[in-house]
């Protein structure tokens, strides 16, 4: 039997205030809002990564999402310059150099790049 190819996985995060969420993801994290965006549901993306945002539905909120980036240290500087509070400063683990930020609804984005030697 032929196995089905999986294209990607895109998390869906519950948000309560879409405007506040878009300010965070677009204005501060540098994502782009979908052209088809609606008040209740949208998709924000940056390069090859994307996250769906659903207002008042699709989950209980306060989810955690992993996003790989080429340099957590460079991203930290970029985000701090745009006013983002860092929940967890870059920390080296065996699997990645990782940093956490939290969106207005308590969802945590874990950014990771290759671990440092």
C-alpha atoms as a PDB file:
ATOM      1  CA  UNK A   1       0.000   0.000   0.000  1.00  0.00           C
ATOM      2  CA  UNK A   2       1.264   3.490  -0.895  1.00  0.00           C
ATOM      3  CA  UNK A   3       1.847   5.774   2.098  1.00  0.00           C
ATOM      4  CA  UNK A   4       0.366   9.269   2.007  1.00  0.00           C
ATOM      5  CA  UNK A   5       2.885  12.115   1.987  1.00  0.00           C
ATOM      6  CA  UNK A   6       2.441  14.607   4.823  1.00  0.00           C
ATOM      7  CA  UNK A   7       2.972  18.199   3.647  1.00  0.00           C
ATOM      8  CA  UNK A   8       3.308  20.066   6.954  1.00  0.00           C
ATOM      9  CA  UNK A   9       1.767  20.691  10.356  1.00  0.00           C
ATOM     10  CA  UNK A  10       0.328  24.048  11.346  1.00  0.00           C
ATOM     11  CA  UNK A  11      -0.808  24.601  14.927  1.00  0.00           C
ATOM     12  CA  UNK A  12      -4.108  26.319  15.666  1.00  0.00           C
ATOM     13  CA  UNK A  13      -3.958  28.627  18.674  1.00  0.00           C
ATOM     14  CA  UNK A  14      -6.998  29.872  20.543  1.00  0.00           C
ATOM     15  CA  UNK A  15      -6.988  33.642  21.016  1.00  0.00           C
ATOM     16  CA  UNK A  16      -9.563  35.909  22.631  1.00  0.00           C
ATOM     17  CA  UNK A  17      -8.744  39.265  21.036  1.00  0.00           C
ATOM     18  CA  UNK A  18      -7.769  38.892  17.381  1.00  0.00           C
ATOM     19  CA  UNK A  19      -6.607  42.515  17.070  1.00  0.00           C
ATOM     20  CA  UNK A  20      -4.257  42.146  20.062  1.00  0.00           C
ATOM     21  CA  UNK A  21      -2.978  38.832  18.707  1.00  0.00           C
ATOM     22  CA  UNK A  22      -2.289  40.333  15.289  1.00  0.00           C
ATOM     23  CA  UNK A  23      -0.420  43.237  16.865  1.00  0.00           C
ATOM     24  CA  UNK A  24       1.781  40.696  18.630  1.00  0.00           C
ATOM     25  CA  UNK A  25       2.345  38.248  15.755  1.00  0.00           C
ATOM     26  CA  UNK A  26       2.520  40.756  12.893  1.00  0.00           C
ATOM     27  CA  UNK A  27       3.847  43.969  14.427  1.00  0.00           C
ATOM     28  CA  UNK A  28       6.169  42.455  17.013  1.00  0.00           C
ATOM     29  CA  UNK A  29       7.138  38.966  15.798  1.00  0.00           C
ATOM     30  CA  UNK A  30       7.273  39.953  12.125  1.00  0.00           C
ATOM     31  CA  UNK A  31       4.714  37.476  10.774  1.00  0.00           C
ATOM     32  CA  UNK A  32       2.441  38.326   7.852  1.00  0.00           C
ATOM     33  CA  UNK A  33      -1.338  38.024   8.111  1.00  0.00           C
ATOM     34  CA  UNK A  34      -3.159  35.968   5.469  1.00  0.00           C
ATOM     35  CA  UNK A  35      -4.833  37.832   2.611  1.00  0.00           C
ATOM     36  CA  UNK A  36      -8.052  35.933   3.364  1.00  0.00           C
ATOM     37  CA  UNK A  37      -7.994  36.792   7.117  1.00  0.00           C
ATOM     38  CA  UNK A  38     -11.306  36.917   8.967  1.00  0.00           C
ATOM     39  CA  UNK A  39     -12.172  38.356  12.358  1.00  0.00           C
ATOM     40  CA  UNK A  40     -12.627  34.860  13.805  1.00  0.00           C
ATOM     41  CA  UNK A  41      -9.860  32.947  12.007  1.00  0.00           C
ATOM     42  CA  UNK A  42      -6.609  33.713  10.234  1.00  0.00           C
ATOM     43  CA  UNK A  43      -3.168  32.394   9.490  1.00  0.00           C
ATOM     44  CA  UNK A  44       0.034  34.275  10.237  1.00  0.00           C
ATOM     45  CA  UNK A  45       3.273  33.237   8.571  1.00  0.00           C
ATOM     46  CA  UNK A  46       6.923  34.084   8.435  1.00  0.00           C
ATOM     47  CA  UNK A  47       9.115  32.397   5.854  1.00  0.00           C
ATOM     48  CA  UNK A  48       8.158  28.681   5.881  1.00  0.00           C
ATOM     49  CA  UNK A  49       6.430  28.741   9.298  1.00  0.00           C
ATOM     50  CA  UNK A  50       2.793  29.492   9.985  1.00  0.00           C
ATOM     51  CA  UNK A  51       0.277  29.466  12.827  1.00  0.00           C
ATOM     52  CA  UNK A  52      -3.512  29.589  12.621  1.00  0.00           C
ATOM     53  CA  UNK A  53      -5.249  31.892  15.093  1.00  0.00           C
ATOM     54  CA  UNK A  54      -8.855  31.141  16.059  1.00  0.00           C
ATOM     55  CA  UNK A  55     -10.834  33.636  18.126  1.00  0.00           C
ATOM     56  CA  UNK A  56     -12.675  32.010  21.022  1.00  0.00           C
ATOM     57  CA  UNK A  57     -12.566  28.489  19.675  1.00  0.00           C
ATOM     58  CA  UNK A  58     -10.514  25.435  18.792  1.00  0.00           C
ATOM     59  CA  UNK A  59      -8.971  24.530  22.073  1.00  0.00           C
ATOM     60  CA  UNK A  60      -8.595  25.679  25.619  1.00  0.00           C
ATOM     61  CA  UNK A  61      -5.758  28.148  25.080  1.00  0.00           C
ATOM     62  CA  UNK A  62      -2.286  28.349  26.577  1.00  0.00           C
ATOM     63  CA  UNK A  63      -0.747  25.947  24.062  1.00  0.00           C
ATOM     64  CA  UNK A  64       2.970  25.541  23.382  1.00  0.00           C
ATOM     65  CA  UNK A  65       4.446  25.641  19.861  1.00  0.00           C
ATOM     66  CA  UNK A  66       7.979  24.869  18.669  1.00  0.00           C
ATOM     67  CA  UNK A  67       9.421  26.882  15.760  1.00  0.00           C
ATOM     68  CA  UNK A  68      12.888  26.276  14.366  1.00  0.00           C
ATOM     69  CA  UNK A  69      14.916  29.328  13.322  1.00  0.00           C
ATOM     70  CA  UNK A  70      18.432  29.782  12.003  1.00  0.00           C
ATOM     71  CA  UNK A  71      19.654  31.845  14.995  1.00  0.00           C
ATOM     72  CA  UNK A  72      17.877  32.221  18.328  1.00  0.00           C
ATOM     73  CA  UNK A  73      20.425  34.831  19.406  1.00  0.00           C
ATOM     74  CA  UNK A  74      19.742  37.024  16.352  1.00  0.00           C
ATOM     75  CA  UNK A  75      15.983  36.551  16.770  1.00  0.00           C
ATOM     76  CA  UNK A  76      16.214  37.604  20.422  1.00  0.00           C
ATOM     77  CA  UNK A  77      17.803  40.911  19.420  1.00  0.00           C
ATOM     78  CA  UNK A  78      15.154  41.464  16.742  1.00  0.00           C
ATOM     79  CA  UNK A  79      12.258  40.724  19.107  1.00  0.00           C
ATOM     80  CA  UNK A  80      13.584  42.801  21.998  1.00  0.00           C
ATOM     81  CA  UNK A  81      14.006  45.736  19.585  1.00  0.00           C
ATOM     82  CA  UNK A  82      10.315  45.397  18.656  1.00  0.00           C
ATOM     83  CA  UNK A  83       9.204  45.361  22.298  1.00  0.00           C
ATOM     84  CA  UNK A  84       8.680  41.638  22.886  1.00  0.00           C
ATOM     85  CA  UNK A  85       9.214  40.385  26.441  1.00  0.00           C
ATOM     86  CA  UNK A  86      11.348  37.266  26.557  1.00  0.00           C
ATOM     87  CA  UNK A  87       9.736  34.619  28.783  1.00  0.00           C
ATOM     88  CA  UNK A  88      12.866  32.444  28.798  1.00  0.00           C
ATOM     89  CA  UNK A  89      16.209  33.820  27.635  1.00  0.00           C
ATOM     90  CA  UNK A  90      18.224  31.731  25.162  1.00  0.00           C
ATOM     91  CA  UNK A  91      19.182  28.531  26.949  1.00  0.00           C
ATOM     92  CA  UNK A  92      21.378  25.794  25.541  1.00  0.00           C
ATOM     93  CA  UNK A  93      19.997  22.233  25.651  1.00  0.00           C
ATOM     94  CA  UNK A  94      21.275  19.070  23.934  1.00  0.00           C
ATOM     95  CA  UNK A  95      18.485  19.388  21.322  1.00  0.00           C
ATOM     96  CA  UNK A  96      18.624  23.164  20.675  1.00  0.00           C
ATOM     97  CA  UNK A  97      19.467  26.654  21.782  1.00  0.00           C
ATOM     98  CA  UNK A  98      15.972  27.649  22.861  1.00  0.00           C
ATOM     99  CA  UNK A  99      14.106  30.818  23.827  1.00  0.00           C
ATOM    100  CA  UNK A 100      10.446  31.293  24.817  1.00  0.00           C
ATOM    101  CA  UNK A 101       8.015  34.152  24.249  1.00  0.00           C
ATOM    102  CA  UNK A 102       4.370  34.336  25.331  1.00  0.00           C
ATOM    103  CA  UNK A 103       1.525  35.793  23.288  1.00  0.00           C
ATOM    104  CA  UNK A 104      -1.287  37.923  24.803  1.00  0.00           C
ATOM    105  CA  UNK A 105      -3.354  34.774  25.472  1.00  0.00           C
ATOM    106  CA  UNK A 106      -0.638  32.829  27.270  1.00  0.00           C
ATOM    107  CA  UNK A 107       0.342  30.641  24.314  1.00  0.00           C
ATOM    108  CA  UNK A 108       4.083  29.992  24.443  1.00  0.00           C
ATOM    109  CA  UNK A 109       6.237  30.009  21.309  1.00  0.00           C
ATOM    110  CA  UNK A 110       9.470  28.046  21.748  1.00  0.00           C
ATOM    111  CA  UNK A 111      12.035  29.223  19.220  1.00  0.00           C
ATOM    112  CA  UNK A 112      15.014  26.959  18.701  1.00  0.00           C
ATOM    113  CA  UNK A 113      18.203  26.815  16.648  1.00  0.00           C
ATOM    114  CA  UNK A 114      21.152  24.436  16.627  1.00  0.00           C
ATOM    115  CA  UNK A 115      22.634  23.935  20.110  1.00  0.00           C
ATOM    116  CA  UNK A 116      25.816  25.821  20.888  1.00  0.00           C
ATOM    117  CA  UNK A 117      29.035  23.893  21.491  1.00  0.00           C
END
